[in-house]
């Protein structure tokens, strides 16, 4: 079953976060992930408002999780730590 990687982000250091985004884009693509939403228009209805929202689709939960734990993604993530406040989850879809 396909899975969605959903991130809600508040960027606090634009320059550092750009380095994260560049590395994360490559890592996600290398694991078969494709972006279906990336920082577009949104409406906050409940919870913590995070102005950057990203959704990537992966072949399955295991591949999405493998991407997160990969050396390439972890190297990119080092740039996001201290440069953002974020929540990230993976959810299996019913498609």
PDB file of N, CA and C in Angstrom:
ATOM      1  N   UNK A   1       0.841  -1.185   0.000  1.00  0.00           N
ATOM      2  CA  UNK A   1       0.000   0.000   0.000  1.00  0.00           C
ATOM      3  C   UNK A   1       0.886   1.248   0.000  1.00  0.00           C
ATOM      4  N   UNK A   2       0.553   2.231  -0.821  1.00  0.00           N
ATOM      5  CA  UNK A   2       1.325   3.485  -0.808  1.00  0.00           C
ATOM      6  C   UNK A   2       1.254   4.166   0.559  1.00  0.00           C
ATOM      7  N   UNK A   3       2.207   5.040   0.786  1.00  0.00           N
ATOM      8  CA  UNK A   3       2.264   5.768   2.055  1.00  0.00           C
ATOM      9  C   UNK A   3       2.580   7.228   1.792  1.00  0.00           C
ATOM     10  N   UNK A   4       2.084   8.079   2.672  1.00  0.00           N
ATOM     11  CA  UNK A   4       2.354   9.511   2.590  1.00  0.00           C
ATOM     12  C   UNK A   4       3.259   9.926   3.734  1.00  0.00           C
ATOM     13  N   UNK A   5       4.235  10.723   3.408  1.00  0.00           N
ATOM     14  CA  UNK A   5       5.162  11.331   4.365  1.00  0.00           C
ATOM     15  C   UNK A   5       4.659  12.753   4.493  1.00  0.00           C
ATOM     16  N   UNK A   6       4.205  13.138   5.672  1.00  0.00           N
ATOM     17  CA  UNK A   6       3.577  14.436   5.867  1.00  0.00           C
ATOM     18  C   UNK A   6       4.381  15.237   6.883  1.00  0.00           C
ATOM     19  N   UNK A   7       4.846  16.400   6.465  1.00  0.00           N
ATOM     20  CA  UNK A   7       5.639  17.270   7.338  1.00  0.00           C
ATOM     21  C   UNK A   7       4.944  18.614   7.488  1.00  0.00           C
ATOM     22  N   UNK A   8       4.930  19.102   8.715  1.00  0.00           N
ATOM     23  CA  UNK A   8       4.417  20.437   9.032  1.00  0.00           C
ATOM     24  C   UNK A   8       5.592  21.193   9.645  1.00  0.00           C
ATOM     25  N   UNK A   9       5.960  22.331   9.053  1.00  0.00           N
ATOM     26  CA  UNK A   9       7.230  22.970   9.398  1.00  0.00           C
ATOM     27  C   UNK A   9       7.085  24.480   9.579  1.00  0.00           C
ATOM     28  N   UNK A  10       7.786  24.993  10.576  1.00  0.00           N
ATOM     29  CA  UNK A  10       8.034  26.421  10.715  1.00  0.00           C
ATOM     30  C   UNK A  10       9.538  26.599  10.561  1.00  0.00           C
ATOM     31  N   UNK A  11       9.944  27.307   9.528  1.00  0.00           N
ATOM     32  CA  UNK A  11      11.366  27.525   9.266  1.00  0.00           C
ATOM     33  C   UNK A  11      11.835  28.731  10.071  1.00  0.00           C
ATOM     34  N   UNK A  12      12.938  28.553  10.800  1.00  0.00           N
ATOM     35  CA  UNK A  12      13.498  29.639  11.609  1.00  0.00           C
ATOM     36  C   UNK A  12      14.834  30.142  11.067  1.00  0.00           C
ATOM     37  N   UNK A  13      15.453  29.402  10.155  1.00  0.00           N
ATOM     38  CA  UNK A  13      16.715  29.798   9.506  1.00  0.00           C
ATOM     39  C   UNK A  13      16.640  29.379   8.041  1.00  0.00           C
ATOM     40  N   UNK A  14      16.274  30.329   7.190  1.00  0.00           N
ATOM     41  CA  UNK A  14      16.039  30.044   5.760  1.00  0.00           C
ATOM     42  C   UNK A  14      17.262  29.452   5.065  1.00  0.00           C
ATOM     43  N   UNK A  15      18.451  29.989   5.312  1.00  0.00           N
ATOM     44  CA  UNK A  15      19.653  29.522   4.622  1.00  0.00           C
ATOM     45  C   UNK A  15      19.973  28.073   4.972  1.00  0.00           C
ATOM     46  N   UNK A  16      19.939  27.745   6.237  1.00  0.00           N
ATOM     47  CA  UNK A  16      20.202  26.366   6.652  1.00  0.00           C
ATOM     48  C   UNK A  16      19.119  25.430   6.121  1.00  0.00           C
ATOM     49  N   UNK A  17      17.876  25.888   6.129  1.00  0.00           N
ATOM     50  CA  UNK A  17      16.786  25.034   5.685  1.00  0.00           C
ATOM     51  C   UNK A  17      16.865  24.760   4.187  1.00  0.00           C
ATOM     52  N   UNK A  18      17.379  25.695   3.416  1.00  0.00           N
ATOM     53  CA  UNK A  18      17.572  25.450   1.978  1.00  0.00           C
ATOM     54  C   UNK A  18      18.523  24.282   1.758  1.00  0.00           C
ATOM     55  N   UNK A  19      19.554  24.163   2.597  1.00  0.00           N
ATOM     56  CA  UNK A  19      20.489  23.037   2.491  1.00  0.00           C
ATOM     57  C   UNK A  19      19.775  21.733   2.824  1.00  0.00           C
ATOM     58  N   UNK A  20      18.918  21.773   3.839  1.00  0.00           N
ATOM     59  CA  UNK A  20      18.118  20.589   4.159  1.00  0.00           C
ATOM     60  C   UNK A  20      17.245  20.201   2.967  1.00  0.00           C
ATOM     61  N   UNK A  21      16.523  21.161   2.420  1.00  0.00           N
ATOM     62  CA  UNK A  21      15.581  20.879   1.339  1.00  0.00           C
ATOM     63  C   UNK A  21      16.282  20.268   0.131  1.00  0.00           C
ATOM     64  N   UNK A  22      17.451  20.767  -0.197  1.00  0.00           N
ATOM     65  CA  UNK A  22      18.195  20.236  -1.347  1.00  0.00           C
ATOM     66  C   UNK A  22      18.572  18.772  -1.111  1.00  0.00           C
ATOM     67  N   UNK A  23      19.116  18.474   0.048  1.00  0.00           N
ATOM     68  CA  UNK A  23      19.508  17.098   0.347  1.00  0.00           C
ATOM     69  C   UNK A  23      18.323  16.171   0.520  1.00  0.00           C
ATOM     70  N   UNK A  24      17.269  16.647   1.147  1.00  0.00           N
ATOM     71  CA  UNK A  24      16.082  15.828   1.369  1.00  0.00           C
ATOM     72  C   UNK A  24      15.406  15.487   0.043  1.00  0.00           C
ATOM     73  N   UNK A  25      15.383  16.427  -0.884  1.00  0.00           N
ATOM     74  CA  UNK A  25      14.772  16.184  -2.193  1.00  0.00           C
ATOM     75  C   UNK A  25      15.439  15.006  -2.890  1.00  0.00           C
ATOM     76  N   UNK A  26      16.753  14.969  -2.853  1.00  0.00           N
ATOM     77  CA  UNK A  26      17.506  13.875  -3.484  1.00  0.00           C
ATOM     78  C   UNK A  26      17.232  12.557  -2.762  1.00  0.00           C
ATOM     79  N   UNK A  27      17.289  12.570  -1.436  1.00  0.00           N
ATOM     80  CA  UNK A  27      17.066  11.342  -0.660  1.00  0.00           C
ATOM     81  C   UNK A  27      15.667  10.787  -0.902  1.00  0.00           C
ATOM     82  N   UNK A  28      14.683  11.651  -0.927  1.00  0.00           N
ATOM     83  CA  UNK A  28      13.304  11.211  -1.154  1.00  0.00           C
ATOM     84  C   UNK A  28      13.159  10.614  -2.548  1.00  0.00           C
ATOM     85  N   UNK A  29      13.691  11.275  -3.558  1.00  0.00           N
ATOM     86  CA  UNK A  29      13.621  10.751  -4.931  1.00  0.00           C
ATOM     87  C   UNK A  29      14.348   9.415  -5.047  1.00  0.00           C
ATOM     88  N   UNK A  30      15.487   9.294  -4.373  1.00  0.00           N
ATOM     89  CA  UNK A  30      16.261   8.048  -4.422  1.00  0.00           C
ATOM     90  C   UNK A  30      15.516   6.869  -3.803  1.00  0.00           C
ATOM     91  N   UNK A  31      14.510   7.150  -2.995  1.00  0.00           N
ATOM     92  CA  UNK A  31      13.700   6.097  -2.375  1.00  0.00           C
ATOM     93  C   UNK A  31      12.323   5.974  -3.026  1.00  0.00           C
ATOM     94  N   UNK A  32      12.179   6.520  -4.220  1.00  0.00           N
ATOM     95  CA  UNK A  32      10.924   6.389  -4.960  1.00  0.00           C
ATOM     96  C   UNK A  32       9.841   7.337  -4.521  1.00  0.00           C
ATOM     97  N   UNK A  33      10.187   8.339  -3.715  1.00  0.00           N
ATOM     98  CA  UNK A  33       9.207   9.309  -3.246  1.00  0.00           C
ATOM     99  C   UNK A  33       8.975  10.404  -4.267  1.00  0.00           C
ATOM    100  N   UNK A  34       7.744  10.867  -4.350  1.00  0.00           N
ATOM    101  CA  UNK A  34       7.393  11.991  -5.216  1.00  0.00           C
ATOM    102  C   UNK A  34       6.588  12.994  -4.400  1.00  0.00           C
ATOM    103  N   UNK A  35       6.859  14.259  -4.622  1.00  0.00           N
ATOM    104  CA  UNK A  35       6.134  15.303  -3.891  1.00  0.00           C
ATOM    105  C   UNK A  35       4.767  15.525  -4.519  1.00  0.00           C
ATOM    106  N   UNK A  36       3.744  15.562  -3.667  1.00  0.00           N
ATOM    107  CA  UNK A  36       2.407  15.883  -4.160  1.00  0.00           C
ATOM    108  C   UNK A  36       1.909  17.207  -3.576  1.00  0.00           C
ATOM    109  N   UNK A  37       2.580  17.711  -2.562  1.00  0.00           N
ATOM    110  CA  UNK A  37       2.313  19.050  -2.017  1.00  0.00           C
ATOM    111  C   UNK A  37       3.615  19.530  -1.398  1.00  0.00           C
ATOM    112  N   UNK A  38       3.942  20.784  -1.667  1.00  0.00           N
ATOM    113  CA  UNK A  38       5.211  21.305  -1.153  1.00  0.00           C
ATOM    114  C   UNK A  38       5.106  22.805  -0.951  1.00  0.00           C
ATOM    115  N   UNK A  39       4.690  23.189   0.264  1.00  0.00           N
ATOM    116  CA  UNK A  39       4.662  24.594   0.617  1.00  0.00           C
ATOM    117  C   UNK A  39       3.572  25.411  -0.039  1.00  0.00           C
ATOM    118  N   UNK A  40       2.534  24.779  -0.525  1.00  0.00           N
ATOM    119  CA  UNK A  40       1.461  25.515  -1.191  1.00  0.00           C
ATOM    120  C   UNK A  40       0.458  26.114  -0.219  1.00  0.00           C
ATOM    121  N   UNK A  41      -0.582  26.634  -0.792  1.00  0.00           N
ATOM    122  CA  UNK A  41      -1.668  27.257  -0.018  1.00  0.00           C
ATOM    123  C   UNK A  41      -2.302  26.222   0.899  1.00  0.00           C
ATOM    124  N   UNK A  42      -2.662  26.642   2.102  1.00  0.00           N
ATOM    125  CA  UNK A  42      -3.293  25.748   3.065  1.00  0.00           C
ATOM    126  C   UNK A  42      -4.256  26.532   3.940  1.00  0.00           C
ATOM    127  N   UNK A  43      -5.110  25.807   4.638  1.00  0.00           N
ATOM    128  CA  UNK A  43      -6.041  26.385   5.606  1.00  0.00           C
ATOM    129  C   UNK A  43      -5.853  25.614   6.908  1.00  0.00           C
ATOM    130  N   UNK A  44      -5.453  26.299   7.968  1.00  0.00           N
ATOM    131  CA  UNK A  44      -5.263  25.665   9.274  1.00  0.00           C
ATOM    132  C   UNK A  44      -6.598  25.617   9.996  1.00  0.00           C
ATOM    133  N   UNK A  45      -7.077  24.442  10.312  1.00  0.00           N
ATOM    134  CA  UNK A  45      -8.356  24.302  10.994  1.00  0.00           C
ATOM    135  C   UNK A  45      -8.199  23.942  12.469  1.00  0.00           C
ATOM    136  N   UNK A  46      -7.177  23.156  12.795  1.00  0.00           N
ATOM    137  CA  UNK A  46      -6.935  22.758  14.183  1.00  0.00           C
ATOM    138  C   UNK A  46      -5.435  22.583  14.388  1.00  0.00           C
ATOM    139  N   UNK A  47      -5.014  22.592  15.639  1.00  0.00           N
ATOM    140  CA  UNK A  47      -3.633  22.286  15.970  1.00  0.00           C
ATOM    141  C   UNK A  47      -2.678  23.441  15.732  1.00  0.00           C
ATOM    142  N   UNK A  48      -1.393  23.111  15.792  1.00  0.00           N
ATOM    143  CA  UNK A  48      -0.328  24.096  15.641  1.00  0.00           C
ATOM    144  C   UNK A  48      -0.191  24.526  14.189  1.00  0.00           C
ATOM    145  N   UNK A  49      -0.236  25.816  13.965  1.00  0.00           N
ATOM    146  CA  UNK A  49      -0.071  26.351  12.614  1.00  0.00           C
ATOM    147  C   UNK A  49       1.391  26.290  12.220  1.00  0.00           C
ATOM    148  N   UNK A  50       1.699  25.590  11.142  1.00  0.00           N
ATOM    149  CA  UNK A  50       3.036  25.526  10.565  1.00  0.00           C
ATOM    150  C   UNK A  50       2.902  25.991   9.119  1.00  0.00           C
ATOM    151  N   UNK A  51       3.566  27.089   8.748  1.00  0.00           N
ATOM    152  CA  UNK A  51       3.346  27.677   7.431  1.00  0.00           C
ATOM    153  C   UNK A  51       3.902  26.888   6.248  1.00  0.00           C
ATOM    154  N   UNK A  52       4.732  25.881   6.492  1.00  0.00           N
ATOM    155  CA  UNK A  52       5.240  25.067   5.386  1.00  0.00           C
ATOM    156  C   UNK A  52       4.744  23.641   5.596  1.00  0.00           C
ATOM    157  N   UNK A  53       4.025  23.128   4.619  1.00  0.00           N
ATOM    158  CA  UNK A  53       3.458  21.787   4.695  1.00  0.00           C
ATOM    159  C   UNK A  53       3.878  21.013   3.452  1.00  0.00           C
ATOM    160  N   UNK A  54       4.402  19.813   3.674  1.00  0.00           N
ATOM    161  CA  UNK A  54       4.943  19.008   2.584  1.00  0.00           C
ATOM    162  C   UNK A  54       4.362  17.606   2.664  1.00  0.00           C
ATOM    163  N   UNK A  55       3.950  17.077   1.502  1.00  0.00           N
ATOM    164  CA  UNK A  55       3.464  15.709   1.420  1.00  0.00           C
ATOM    165  C   UNK A  55       4.202  15.024   0.282  1.00  0.00           C
ATOM    166  N   UNK A  56       4.828  13.892   0.586  1.00  0.00           N
ATOM    167  CA  UNK A  56       5.491  13.078  -0.431  1.00  0.00           C
ATOM    168  C   UNK A  56       4.863  11.697  -0.409  1.00  0.00           C
ATOM    169  N   UNK A  57       4.716  11.104  -1.578  1.00  0.00           N
ATOM    170  CA  UNK A  57       4.125   9.768  -1.692  1.00  0.00           C
ATOM    171  C   UNK A  57       5.236   8.760  -1.947  1.00  0.00           C
ATOM    172  N   UNK A  58       5.209   7.667  -1.201  1.00  0.00           N
ATOM    173  CA  UNK A  58       6.174   6.580  -1.329  1.00  0.00           C
ATOM    174  C   UNK A  58       5.454   5.291  -1.688  1.00  0.00           C
ATOM    175  N   UNK A  59       6.187   4.309  -2.195  1.00  0.00           N
ATOM    176  CA  UNK A  59       5.539   3.036  -2.536  1.00  0.00           C
ATOM    177  C   UNK A  59       4.891   2.340  -1.341  1.00  0.00           C
ATOM    178  N   UNK A  60       5.470   2.500  -0.136  1.00  0.00           N
ATOM    179  CA  UNK A  60       4.923   1.857   1.058  1.00  0.00           C
ATOM    180  C   UNK A  60       5.548   2.487   2.304  1.00  0.00           C
ATOM    181  N   UNK A  61       5.003   2.147   3.465  1.00  0.00           N
ATOM    182  CA  UNK A  61       5.486   2.697   4.736  1.00  0.00           C
ATOM    183  C   UNK A  61       6.952   2.349   4.953  1.00  0.00           C
ATOM    184  N   UNK A  62       7.317   1.105   4.659  1.00  0.00           N
ATOM    185  CA  UNK A  62       8.683   0.650   4.905  1.00  0.00           C
ATOM    186  C   UNK A  62       9.707   1.451   4.103  1.00  0.00           C
ATOM    187  N   UNK A  63       9.387   1.767   2.854  1.00  0.00           N
ATOM    188  CA  UNK A  63      10.309   2.540   2.025  1.00  0.00           C
ATOM    189  C   UNK A  63      10.425   3.970   2.537  1.00  0.00           C
ATOM    190  N   UNK A  64       9.304   4.550   2.959  1.00  0.00           N
ATOM    191  CA  UNK A  64       9.333   5.907   3.509  1.00  0.00           C
ATOM    192  C   UNK A  64      10.177   5.952   4.778  1.00  0.00           C
ATOM    193  N   UNK A  65      10.013   4.949   5.627  1.00  0.00           N
ATOM    194  CA  UNK A  65      10.793   4.899   6.864  1.00  0.00           C
ATOM    195  C   UNK A  65      12.272   4.651   6.569  1.00  0.00           C
ATOM    196  N   UNK A  66      12.546   3.813   5.587  1.00  0.00           N
ATOM    197  CA  UNK A  66      13.940   3.555   5.183  1.00  0.00           C
ATOM    198  C   UNK A  66      14.583   4.846   4.687  1.00  0.00           C
ATOM    199  N   UNK A  67      13.842   5.643   3.944  1.00  0.00           N
ATOM    200  CA  UNK A  67      14.334   6.943   3.482  1.00  0.00           C
ATOM    201  C   UNK A  67      14.712   7.816   4.667  1.00  0.00           C
ATOM    202  N   UNK A  68      13.820   7.907   5.638  1.00  0.00           N
ATOM    203  CA  UNK A  68      14.080   8.752   6.808  1.00  0.00           C
ATOM    204  C   UNK A  68      15.375   8.352   7.509  1.00  0.00           C
ATOM    205  N   UNK A  69      15.612   7.073   7.630  1.00  0.00           N
ATOM    206  CA  UNK A  69      16.785   6.574   8.353  1.00  0.00           C
ATOM    207  C   UNK A  69      18.039   6.483   7.480  1.00  0.00           C
ATOM    208  N   UNK A  70      17.916   6.792   6.188  1.00  0.00           N
ATOM    209  CA  UNK A  70      19.068   6.689   5.286  1.00  0.00           C
ATOM    210  C   UNK A  70      20.134   7.718   5.639  1.00  0.00           C
ATOM    211  N   UNK A  71      21.365   7.401   5.295  1.00  0.00           N
ATOM    212  CA  UNK A  71      22.488   8.321   5.544  1.00  0.00           C
ATOM    213  C   UNK A  71      22.264   9.649   4.826  1.00  0.00           C
ATOM    214  N   UNK A  72      21.757   9.586   3.603  1.00  0.00           N
ATOM    215  CA  UNK A  72      21.549  10.819   2.826  1.00  0.00           C
ATOM    216  C   UNK A  72      20.519  11.729   3.489  1.00  0.00           C
ATOM    217  N   UNK A  73      19.397  11.148   3.934  1.00  0.00           N
ATOM    218  CA  UNK A  73      18.373  11.986   4.571  1.00  0.00           C
ATOM    219  C   UNK A  73      18.851  12.508   5.918  1.00  0.00           C
ATOM    220  N   UNK A  74      19.519  11.685   6.690  1.00  0.00           N
ATOM    221  CA  UNK A  74      20.010  12.128   7.989  1.00  0.00           C
ATOM    222  C   UNK A  74      21.032  13.249   7.847  1.00  0.00           C
ATOM    223  N   UNK A  75      21.852  13.193   6.796  1.00  0.00           N
ATOM    224  CA  UNK A  75      22.801  14.283   6.539  1.00  0.00           C
ATOM    225  C   UNK A  75      22.053  15.573   6.225  1.00  0.00           C
ATOM    226  N   UNK A  76      20.994  15.472   5.428  1.00  0.00           N
ATOM    227  CA  UNK A  76      20.172  16.654   5.120  1.00  0.00           C
ATOM    228  C   UNK A  76      19.476  17.157   6.380  1.00  0.00           C
ATOM    229  N   UNK A  77      18.954  16.235   7.168  1.00  0.00           N
ATOM    230  CA  UNK A  77      18.206  16.592   8.374  1.00  0.00           C
ATOM    231  C   UNK A  77      19.060  17.367   9.368  1.00  0.00           C
ATOM    232  N   UNK A  78      20.350  17.133   9.359  1.00  0.00           N
ATOM    233  CA  UNK A  78      21.251  17.874  10.255  1.00  0.00           C
ATOM    234  C   UNK A  78      21.139  19.380  10.017  1.00  0.00           C
ATOM    235  N   UNK A  79      20.828  19.792   8.782  1.00  0.00           N
ATOM    236  CA  UNK A  79      20.660  21.217   8.473  1.00  0.00           C
ATOM    237  C   UNK A  79      19.322  21.760   8.980  1.00  0.00           C
ATOM    238  N   UNK A  80      18.322  20.894   9.096  1.00  0.00           N
ATOM    239  CA  UNK A  80      16.995  21.332   9.556  1.00  0.00           C
ATOM    240  C   UNK A  80      16.945  21.482  11.074  1.00  0.00           C
ATOM    241  N   UNK A  81      17.738  20.686  11.762  1.00  0.00           N
ATOM    242  CA  UNK A  81      17.755  20.774  13.229  1.00  0.00           C
ATOM    243  C   UNK A  81      18.331  22.131  13.629  1.00  0.00           C
ATOM    244  N   UNK A  82      17.616  22.850  14.453  1.00  0.00           N
ATOM    245  CA  UNK A  82      18.047  24.186  14.834  1.00  0.00           C
ATOM    246  C   UNK A  82      17.645  25.250  13.834  1.00  0.00           C
ATOM    247  N   UNK A  83      17.109  24.826  12.682  1.00  0.00           N
ATOM    248  CA  UNK A  83      16.679  25.767  11.649  1.00  0.00           C
ATOM    249  C   UNK A  83      15.178  25.685  11.407  1.00  0.00           C
ATOM    250  N   UNK A  84      14.504  24.837  12.213  1.00  0.00           N
ATOM    251  CA  UNK A  84      13.068  24.663  12.012  1.00  0.00           C
ATOM    252  C   UNK A  84      12.436  24.001  13.226  1.00  0.00           C
ATOM    253  N   UNK A  85      11.130  24.164  13.299  1.00  0.00           N
ATOM    254  CA  UNK A  85      10.293  23.415  14.231  1.00  0.00           C
ATOM    255  C   UNK A  85       9.396  22.586  13.341  1.00  0.00           C
ATOM    256  N   UNK A  86       9.299  21.282  13.596  1.00  0.00           N
ATOM    257  CA  UNK A  86       8.599  20.431  12.644  1.00  0.00           C
ATOM    258  C   UNK A  86       7.974  19.202  13.272  1.00  0.00           C
ATOM    259  N   UNK A  87       6.964  18.721  12.617  1.00  0.00           N
ATOM    260  CA  UNK A  87       6.373  17.432  12.903  1.00  0.00           C
ATOM    261  C   UNK A  87       6.428  16.646  11.600  1.00  0.00           C
ATOM    262  N   UNK A  88       6.696  15.355  11.703  1.00  0.00           N
ATOM    263  CA  UNK A  88       6.773  14.500  10.518  1.00  0.00           C
ATOM    264  C   UNK A  88       6.135  13.163  10.847  1.00  0.00           C
ATOM    265  N   UNK A  89       5.299  12.670   9.957  1.00  0.00           N
ATOM    266  CA  UNK A  89       4.708  11.363  10.144  1.00  0.00           C
ATOM    267  C   UNK A  89       4.575  10.657   8.806  1.00  0.00           C
ATOM    268  N   UNK A  90       4.428   9.354   8.888  1.00  0.00           N
ATOM    269  CA  UNK A  90       4.191   8.529   7.707  1.00  0.00           C
ATOM    270  C   UNK A  90       2.856   7.827   7.938  1.00  0.00           C
ATOM    271  N   UNK A  91       1.997   7.860   6.933  1.00  0.00           N
ATOM    272  CA  UNK A  91       0.696   7.206   7.061  1.00  0.00           C
ATOM    273  C   UNK A  91       0.417   6.410   5.794  1.00  0.00           C
ATOM    274  N   UNK A  92      -0.050   5.192   5.994  1.00  0.00           N
ATOM    275  CA  UNK A  92      -0.406   4.342   4.869  1.00  0.00           C
ATOM    276  C   UNK A  92      -1.723   4.830   4.265  1.00  0.00           C
ATOM    277  N   UNK A  93      -1.799   4.811   2.948  1.00  0.00           N
ATOM    278  CA  UNK A  93      -3.043   5.224   2.289  1.00  0.00           C
ATOM    279  C   UNK A  93      -3.897   4.004   1.984  1.00  0.00           C
ATOM    280  N   UNK A  94      -5.108   4.240   1.595  1.00  0.00           N
ATOM    281  CA  UNK A  94      -6.016   3.145   1.275  1.00  0.00           C
ATOM    282  C   UNK A  94      -6.084   2.895  -0.234  1.00  0.00           C
ATOM    283  N   UNK A  95      -5.241   3.551  -0.980  1.00  0.00           N
ATOM    284  CA  UNK A  95      -5.241   3.370  -2.457  1.00  0.00           C
ATOM    285  C   UNK A  95      -4.458   2.142  -2.850  1.00  0.00           C
TER     286      UNK A  95
END
